[in-house]
Amino acid sequence: MAMAFKMATTGMWVTDECKTSFMEMKWKKVHRFIVFKIDEASRLVTVDKVGGPDEGYDELAASLPPDDCRYAVFDFDFVTTDNCKKSKIFFIAWSPSASGIREKMLYATSKEGLRRALEGIHYDMQATDPTEMGMDVIKDRAK
């Protein structure tokens, strides 16, 4: 398996699949969102779920486990007040209250490495419950 980028702080590797999926989302618009997870045994950040172009925020929110950490990127399309179509990519660090301390620490220390590997993210969000990353929050940030 080819490795794309090593995260120095935790020794985790970001797989090529993560970068490829992100580029497909960013340039080809074949994905609406991507959920990433850390596999501690292999020390890899991998793609957990990919949302198709017809899926939206609700499917992304449903893809995040209530008791385990994840990273996600979400491609948010909107129309400005000047009637211009725009797209902004959000990076979401999902760390629910019910997840373990070890997982929270692992995801917190690995976040910047993954974020650097995924070039072109516009906004960064940290969420511990769904209300902190709700569609209203995303719309407000994208203005």
N, C-alpha and C. Protein backbone atom coordinates (compact mmCIF):
# COMPACT_ATOMS: atom_id res chain seq x y z
N MET A 1 0.85 -1.18 0.00
CA MET A 1 0.00 0.00 0.00
C MET A 1 0.89 1.24 0.00
N ALA A 2 0.65 2.13 -0.90
CA ALA A 2 1.45 3.35 -0.98
C ALA A 2 1.01 4.35 0.08
N MET A 3 1.97 5.01 0.67
CA MET A 3 1.68 6.01 1.69
C MET A 3 1.91 7.39 1.10
N ALA A 4 1.08 8.34 1.48
CA ALA A 4 1.17 9.67 0.89
C ALA A 4 1.90 10.65 1.78
N PHE A 5 1.65 10.63 3.07
CA PHE A 5 2.13 11.70 3.92
C PHE A 5 2.16 11.21 5.35
N LYS A 6 3.30 11.34 6.01
CA LYS A 6 3.42 10.92 7.40
C LYS A 6 3.20 12.11 8.32
N MET A 7 2.39 11.91 9.34
CA MET A 7 2.13 12.95 10.32
C MET A 7 3.17 12.81 11.42
N ALA A 8 4.06 13.77 11.50
CA ALA A 8 5.21 13.68 12.40
C ALA A 8 4.83 13.58 13.88
N THR A 9 3.79 14.26 14.31
CA THR A 9 3.48 14.30 15.73
C THR A 9 2.99 12.96 16.27
N THR A 10 2.32 12.17 15.46
CA THR A 10 1.77 10.91 15.97
C THR A 10 2.33 9.69 15.26
N GLY A 11 3.08 9.88 14.20
CA GLY A 11 3.58 8.75 13.45
C GLY A 11 2.53 8.09 12.58
N MET A 12 1.37 8.72 12.42
CA MET A 12 0.31 8.19 11.56
C MET A 12 0.60 8.54 10.11
N TRP A 13 0.13 7.69 9.21
CA TRP A 13 0.28 7.91 7.78
C TRP A 13 -1.08 8.20 7.17
N VAL A 14 -1.13 9.13 6.25
CA VAL A 14 -2.35 9.41 5.48
C VAL A 14 -2.23 8.61 4.20
N THR A 15 -3.20 7.76 3.91
CA THR A 15 -3.13 6.92 2.72
C THR A 15 -3.38 7.74 1.46
N ASP A 16 -2.89 7.22 0.34
CA ASP A 16 -3.14 7.86 -0.95
C ASP A 16 -4.63 7.95 -1.23
N GLU A 17 -5.40 6.96 -0.76
CA GLU A 17 -6.84 6.97 -0.97
C GLU A 17 -7.49 8.22 -0.38
N CYS A 18 -6.99 8.68 0.76
CA CYS A 18 -7.52 9.89 1.38
C CYS A 18 -7.33 11.09 0.48
N LYS A 19 -6.11 11.26 -0.02
CA LYS A 19 -5.81 12.40 -0.89
C LYS A 19 -6.55 12.30 -2.23
N THR A 20 -6.59 11.11 -2.80
CA THR A 20 -7.27 10.91 -4.08
C THR A 20 -8.77 11.19 -3.96
N SER A 21 -9.38 10.67 -2.92
CA SER A 21 -10.82 10.91 -2.71
C SER A 21 -11.10 12.39 -2.52
N PHE A 22 -10.22 13.07 -1.77
CA PHE A 22 -10.40 14.50 -1.55
C PHE A 22 -10.28 15.28 -2.86
N MET A 23 -9.30 14.95 -3.69
CA MET A 23 -9.14 15.63 -4.98
C MET A 23 -10.34 15.37 -5.89
N GLU A 24 -10.88 14.16 -5.85
CA GLU A 24 -12.07 13.85 -6.65
C GLU A 24 -13.25 14.69 -6.18
N MET A 25 -13.37 14.89 -4.87
CA MET A 25 -14.44 15.71 -4.32
C MET A 25 -14.24 17.17 -4.73
N LYS A 26 -13.02 17.63 -4.60
CA LYS A 26 -12.71 19.04 -4.85
C LYS A 26 -12.84 19.42 -6.33
N TRP A 27 -12.27 18.63 -7.21
CA TRP A 27 -12.21 19.00 -8.62
C TRP A 27 -13.28 18.37 -9.49
N LYS A 28 -13.60 17.11 -9.24
CA LYS A 28 -14.56 16.42 -10.11
C LYS A 28 -15.98 16.43 -9.56
N LYS A 29 -16.14 16.82 -8.28
CA LYS A 29 -17.45 16.90 -7.63
C LYS A 29 -18.18 15.55 -7.64
N VAL A 30 -17.43 14.44 -7.51
CA VAL A 30 -18.05 13.12 -7.48
C VAL A 30 -18.44 12.69 -6.08
N HIS A 31 -17.98 13.44 -5.06
CA HIS A 31 -18.34 13.16 -3.67
C HIS A 31 -18.86 14.45 -3.04
N ARG A 32 -19.82 14.31 -2.14
CA ARG A 32 -20.30 15.47 -1.37
C ARG A 32 -19.53 15.58 -0.06
N PHE A 33 -19.18 14.42 0.51
CA PHE A 33 -18.41 14.41 1.76
C PHE A 33 -17.56 13.16 1.84
N ILE A 34 -16.55 13.22 2.73
CA ILE A 34 -15.70 12.07 3.00
C ILE A 34 -15.49 12.02 4.51
N VAL A 35 -15.63 10.84 5.08
CA VAL A 35 -15.37 10.62 6.50
C VAL A 35 -14.09 9.79 6.60
N PHE A 36 -13.17 10.24 7.45
CA PHE A 36 -11.89 9.56 7.65
C PHE A 36 -11.82 9.00 9.06
N LYS A 37 -11.09 7.89 9.22
CA LYS A 37 -10.87 7.34 10.55
C LYS A 37 -9.42 6.93 10.70
N ILE A 38 -8.98 6.81 11.93
CA ILE A 38 -7.62 6.35 12.22
C ILE A 38 -7.68 4.88 12.60
N ASP A 39 -6.87 4.08 11.92
CA ASP A 39 -6.72 2.67 12.26
C ASP A 39 -5.42 2.57 13.07
N GLU A 40 -5.57 2.45 14.39
CA GLU A 40 -4.40 2.44 15.27
C GLU A 40 -3.47 1.26 15.00
N ALA A 41 -4.03 0.12 14.67
CA ALA A 41 -3.21 -1.08 14.46
C ALA A 41 -2.23 -0.89 13.30
N SER A 42 -2.71 -0.31 12.20
CA SER A 42 -1.85 -0.11 11.03
C SER A 42 -1.22 1.28 11.00
N ARG A 43 -1.62 2.15 11.94
CA ARG A 43 -1.13 3.52 12.03
C ARG A 43 -1.42 4.32 10.77
N LEU A 44 -2.65 4.11 10.23
CA LEU A 44 -3.06 4.77 8.99
C LEU A 44 -4.33 5.59 9.20
N VAL A 45 -4.40 6.73 8.52
CA VAL A 45 -5.65 7.46 8.39
C VAL A 45 -6.25 6.97 7.08
N THR A 46 -7.48 6.43 7.15
CA THR A 46 -8.12 5.83 5.99
C THR A 46 -9.49 6.46 5.73
N VAL A 47 -10.02 6.20 4.55
CA VAL A 47 -11.37 6.65 4.22
C VAL A 47 -12.35 5.68 4.85
N ASP A 48 -13.29 6.21 5.63
CA ASP A 48 -14.31 5.41 6.30
C ASP A 48 -15.59 5.35 5.46
N LYS A 49 -15.99 6.49 4.92
CA LYS A 49 -17.22 6.57 4.11
C LYS A 49 -17.10 7.72 3.14
N VAL A 50 -17.67 7.52 1.97
CA VAL A 50 -17.71 8.56 0.95
C VAL A 50 -19.17 8.79 0.59
N GLY A 51 -19.59 10.05 0.60
CA GLY A 51 -20.96 10.40 0.23
C GLY A 51 -21.03 10.80 -1.22
N GLY A 52 -21.95 10.22 -1.95
CA GLY A 52 -22.11 10.53 -3.37
C GLY A 52 -22.54 11.97 -3.62
N PRO A 53 -22.54 12.40 -4.86
CA PRO A 53 -22.87 13.79 -5.17
C PRO A 53 -24.31 14.18 -4.82
N ASP A 54 -25.20 13.19 -4.72
CA ASP A 54 -26.59 13.48 -4.39
C ASP A 54 -26.87 13.44 -2.90
N GLU A 55 -25.88 13.01 -2.12
CA GLU A 55 -26.05 12.98 -0.68
C GLU A 55 -25.74 14.36 -0.11
N GLY A 56 -26.22 14.62 1.09
CA GLY A 56 -26.04 15.94 1.67
C GLY A 56 -25.59 15.92 3.11
N TYR A 57 -25.85 17.02 3.77
CA TYR A 57 -25.43 17.19 5.15
C TYR A 57 -26.03 16.14 6.07
N ASP A 58 -27.30 15.81 5.89
CA ASP A 58 -27.95 14.83 6.77
C ASP A 58 -27.27 13.46 6.71
N GLU A 59 -26.85 13.06 5.52
CA GLU A 59 -26.14 11.79 5.38
C GLU A 59 -24.76 11.86 6.03
N LEU A 60 -24.11 13.01 5.92
CA LEU A 60 -22.83 13.19 6.60
C LEU A 60 -23.00 13.05 8.11
N ALA A 61 -23.95 13.77 8.66
CA ALA A 61 -24.19 13.74 10.11
C ALA A 61 -24.51 12.31 10.57
N ALA A 62 -25.27 11.57 9.77
CA ALA A 62 -25.63 10.19 10.13
C ALA A 62 -24.42 9.26 10.04
N SER A 63 -23.40 9.64 9.28
CA SER A 63 -22.20 8.81 9.12
C SER A 63 -21.23 8.93 10.28
N LEU A 64 -21.41 9.92 11.12
CA LEU A 64 -20.50 10.13 12.24
C LEU A 64 -20.98 9.36 13.46
N PRO A 65 -20.17 8.45 14.00
CA PRO A 65 -20.61 7.63 15.13
C PRO A 65 -20.79 8.47 16.40
N PRO A 66 -21.78 8.12 17.22
CA PRO A 66 -22.03 8.91 18.44
C PRO A 66 -21.01 8.70 19.55
N ASP A 67 -20.16 7.66 19.41
CA ASP A 67 -19.23 7.33 20.49
C ASP A 67 -17.78 7.12 20.03
N ASP A 68 -17.44 7.62 18.85
CA ASP A 68 -16.08 7.48 18.35
C ASP A 68 -15.71 8.70 17.51
N CYS A 69 -14.45 9.06 17.52
CA CYS A 69 -13.97 10.24 16.80
C CYS A 69 -13.81 9.93 15.31
N ARG A 70 -13.92 10.98 14.51
CA ARG A 70 -13.70 10.90 13.07
C ARG A 70 -13.28 12.28 12.57
N TYR A 71 -12.76 12.31 11.36
CA TYR A 71 -12.57 13.55 10.62
C TYR A 71 -13.53 13.49 9.44
N ALA A 72 -13.95 14.65 8.97
CA ALA A 72 -14.80 14.68 7.78
C ALA A 72 -14.50 15.94 6.99
N VAL A 73 -14.71 15.85 5.69
CA VAL A 73 -14.69 17.03 4.84
C VAL A 73 -16.04 17.07 4.13
N PHE A 74 -16.58 18.27 4.01
CA PHE A 74 -17.92 18.47 3.44
C PHE A 74 -17.84 19.59 2.41
N ASP A 75 -18.30 19.31 1.20
CA ASP A 75 -18.33 20.28 0.12
C ASP A 75 -19.70 20.96 0.12
N PHE A 76 -19.72 22.20 0.57
CA PHE A 76 -20.97 22.94 0.73
C PHE A 76 -21.15 23.91 -0.43
N ASP A 77 -22.19 23.67 -1.24
CA ASP A 77 -22.54 24.55 -2.35
C ASP A 77 -23.62 25.52 -1.90
N PHE A 78 -23.49 26.78 -2.31
CA PHE A 78 -24.48 27.78 -1.94
C PHE A 78 -24.49 28.90 -2.97
N VAL A 79 -25.49 29.76 -2.88
CA VAL A 79 -25.62 30.91 -3.76
C VAL A 79 -25.50 32.16 -2.90
N THR A 80 -24.62 33.08 -3.31
CA THR A 80 -24.40 34.30 -2.55
C THR A 80 -25.55 35.28 -2.76
N THR A 81 -25.52 36.36 -1.99
CA THR A 81 -26.55 37.39 -2.14
C THR A 81 -26.46 38.07 -3.50
N ASP A 82 -25.29 37.96 -4.15
CA ASP A 82 -25.11 38.51 -5.50
C ASP A 82 -25.49 37.50 -6.58
N ASN A 83 -26.12 36.41 -6.18
CA ASN A 83 -26.59 35.35 -7.06
C ASN A 83 -25.44 34.62 -7.77
N CYS A 84 -24.33 34.46 -7.07
CA CYS A 84 -23.18 33.70 -7.59
C CYS A 84 -23.13 32.33 -6.91
N LYS A 85 -22.92 31.28 -7.72
CA LYS A 85 -22.77 29.95 -7.16
C LYS A 85 -21.36 29.79 -6.62
N LYS A 86 -21.27 29.32 -5.37
CA LYS A 86 -19.97 29.11 -4.73
C LYS A 86 -19.96 27.75 -4.05
N SER A 87 -18.75 27.32 -3.75
CA SER A 87 -18.54 26.06 -3.05
C SER A 87 -17.42 26.27 -2.04
N LYS A 88 -17.64 25.83 -0.82
CA LYS A 88 -16.63 25.92 0.24
C LYS A 88 -16.47 24.54 0.87
N ILE A 89 -15.23 24.18 1.16
CA ILE A 89 -14.96 22.88 1.76
C ILE A 89 -14.67 23.06 3.25
N PHE A 90 -15.42 22.32 4.05
CA PHE A 90 -15.29 22.35 5.51
C PHE A 90 -14.56 21.11 5.99
N PHE A 91 -13.61 21.31 6.89
CA PHE A 91 -12.95 20.20 7.58
C PHE A 91 -13.57 20.13 8.97
N ILE A 92 -14.08 18.97 9.34
CA ILE A 92 -14.75 18.80 10.63
C ILE A 92 -13.99 17.76 11.45
N ALA A 93 -13.57 18.16 12.64
CA ALA A 93 -12.96 17.23 13.58
C ALA A 93 -14.06 16.83 14.56
N TRP A 94 -14.55 15.61 14.42
CA TRP A 94 -15.67 15.09 15.22
C TRP A 94 -15.11 14.35 16.42
N SER A 95 -15.40 14.86 17.61
CA SER A 95 -14.90 14.27 18.85
C SER A 95 -16.02 14.28 19.89
N PRO A 96 -16.97 13.34 19.77
CA PRO A 96 -18.13 13.36 20.67
C PRO A 96 -17.75 13.11 22.13
N SER A 97 -18.56 13.62 23.02
CA SER A 97 -18.32 13.49 24.46
C SER A 97 -18.23 12.03 24.89
N ALA A 98 -18.97 11.15 24.21
CA ALA A 98 -19.00 9.73 24.59
C ALA A 98 -17.76 8.96 24.16
N SER A 99 -16.89 9.56 23.37
CA SER A 99 -15.68 8.84 22.94
C SER A 99 -14.65 8.84 24.06
N GLY A 100 -13.73 7.90 23.98
CA GLY A 100 -12.72 7.74 25.03
C GLY A 100 -11.64 8.82 24.98
N ILE A 101 -11.00 9.03 26.10
CA ILE A 101 -9.94 10.03 26.22
C ILE A 101 -8.79 9.71 25.24
N ARG A 102 -8.41 8.45 25.15
CA ARG A 102 -7.32 8.05 24.26
C ARG A 102 -7.63 8.41 22.81
N GLU A 103 -8.85 8.12 22.37
CA GLU A 103 -9.24 8.43 20.99
C GLU A 103 -9.24 9.94 20.76
N LYS A 104 -9.76 10.69 21.73
CA LYS A 104 -9.79 12.15 21.59
C LYS A 104 -8.38 12.71 21.44
N MET A 105 -7.46 12.22 22.25
CA MET A 105 -6.08 12.69 22.18
C MET A 105 -5.42 12.31 20.85
N LEU A 106 -5.64 11.08 20.42
CA LEU A 106 -5.07 10.61 19.16
C LEU A 106 -5.57 11.46 17.99
N TYR A 107 -6.86 11.69 17.93
CA TYR A 107 -7.44 12.49 16.84
C TYR A 107 -7.00 13.96 16.94
N ALA A 108 -6.90 14.49 18.15
CA ALA A 108 -6.48 15.89 18.31
C ALA A 108 -5.04 16.09 17.84
N THR A 109 -4.17 15.14 18.15
CA THR A 109 -2.76 15.30 17.78
C THR A 109 -2.51 14.95 16.31
N SER A 110 -3.40 14.25 15.67
CA SER A 110 -3.23 13.86 14.27
C SER A 110 -3.92 14.81 13.29
N LYS A 111 -4.73 15.69 13.80
CA LYS A 111 -5.57 16.55 12.96
C LYS A 111 -4.78 17.40 11.97
N GLU A 112 -3.77 18.10 12.42
CA GLU A 112 -3.04 19.02 11.54
C GLU A 112 -2.32 18.30 10.40
N GLY A 113 -1.83 17.11 10.65
CA GLY A 113 -1.17 16.35 9.60
C GLY A 113 -2.11 16.00 8.47
N LEU A 114 -3.31 15.56 8.80
CA LEU A 114 -4.30 15.25 7.77
C LEU A 114 -4.72 16.53 7.06
N ARG A 115 -4.94 17.57 7.82
CA ARG A 115 -5.37 18.84 7.24
C ARG A 115 -4.35 19.37 6.24
N ARG A 116 -3.06 19.23 6.54
CA ARG A 116 -2.00 19.66 5.61
C ARG A 116 -1.98 18.79 4.35
N ALA A 117 -2.32 17.52 4.48
CA ALA A 117 -2.32 16.62 3.33
C ALA A 117 -3.47 16.91 2.37
N LEU A 118 -4.54 17.51 2.89
CA LEU A 118 -5.72 17.83 2.08
C LEU A 118 -5.71 19.32 1.75
N GLU A 119 -5.12 19.67 0.64
CA GLU A 119 -4.99 21.08 0.26
C GLU A 119 -6.27 21.62 -0.34
N GLY A 120 -6.69 22.79 0.14
CA GLY A 120 -7.87 23.45 -0.42
C GLY A 120 -9.06 23.51 0.52
N ILE A 121 -8.83 23.30 1.80
CA ILE A 121 -9.90 23.40 2.79
C ILE A 121 -10.10 24.87 3.15
N HIS A 122 -11.35 25.30 3.17
CA HIS A 122 -11.66 26.71 3.46
C HIS A 122 -11.91 26.98 4.93
N TYR A 123 -12.64 26.09 5.60
CA TYR A 123 -13.02 26.32 6.98
C TYR A 123 -12.75 25.09 7.83
N ASP A 124 -12.41 25.32 9.08
CA ASP A 124 -12.08 24.27 10.03
C ASP A 124 -13.07 24.33 11.17
N MET A 125 -13.66 23.19 11.52
CA MET A 125 -14.64 23.13 12.61
C MET A 125 -14.29 22.00 13.57
N GLN A 126 -14.54 22.23 14.84
CA GLN A 126 -14.40 21.20 15.87
C GLN A 126 -15.80 20.97 16.44
N ALA A 127 -16.25 19.73 16.52
CA ALA A 127 -17.59 19.46 17.03
C ALA A 127 -17.58 18.30 18.01
N THR A 128 -18.29 18.48 19.13
CA THR A 128 -18.45 17.42 20.11
C THR A 128 -19.88 16.90 20.14
N ASP A 129 -20.79 17.64 19.51
CA ASP A 129 -22.16 17.16 19.34
C ASP A 129 -22.71 17.77 18.04
N PRO A 130 -23.78 17.21 17.48
CA PRO A 130 -24.28 17.65 16.18
C PRO A 130 -24.64 19.13 16.09
N THR A 131 -25.03 19.75 17.18
CA THR A 131 -25.41 21.16 17.12
C THR A 131 -24.22 22.08 16.81
N GLU A 132 -23.01 21.63 17.13
CA GLU A 132 -21.82 22.44 16.88
C GLU A 132 -21.38 22.42 15.42
N MET A 133 -21.97 21.53 14.63
CA MET A 133 -21.64 21.47 13.21
C MET A 133 -22.92 21.44 12.37
N GLY A 134 -23.99 22.00 12.91
CA GLY A 134 -25.26 22.01 12.21
C GLY A 134 -25.22 22.80 10.92
N MET A 135 -26.20 22.57 10.08
CA MET A 135 -26.26 23.26 8.80
C MET A 135 -26.33 24.78 8.99
N ASP A 136 -26.97 25.23 10.05
CA ASP A 136 -27.02 26.67 10.31
C ASP A 136 -25.63 27.24 10.60
N VAL A 137 -24.80 26.47 11.30
CA VAL A 137 -23.42 26.89 11.60
C VAL A 137 -22.61 26.94 10.30
N ILE A 138 -22.77 25.95 9.46
CA ILE A 138 -22.05 25.89 8.19
C ILE A 138 -22.46 27.05 7.29
N LYS A 139 -23.76 27.30 7.18
CA LYS A 139 -24.24 28.42 6.35
C LYS A 139 -23.70 29.75 6.86
N ASP A 140 -23.68 29.92 8.17
CA ASP A 140 -23.19 31.16 8.76
C ASP A 140 -21.69 31.36 8.48
N ARG A 141 -20.92 30.30 8.57
CA ARG A 141 -19.47 30.39 8.31
C ARG A 141 -19.15 30.65 6.85
N ALA A 142 -19.99 30.15 5.94
CA ALA A 142 -19.72 30.25 4.51
C ALA A 142 -20.05 31.62 3.93
N LYS A 143 -20.68 32.49 4.67
CA LYS A 143 -21.08 33.81 4.14
C LYS A 143 -19.90 34.61 3.66
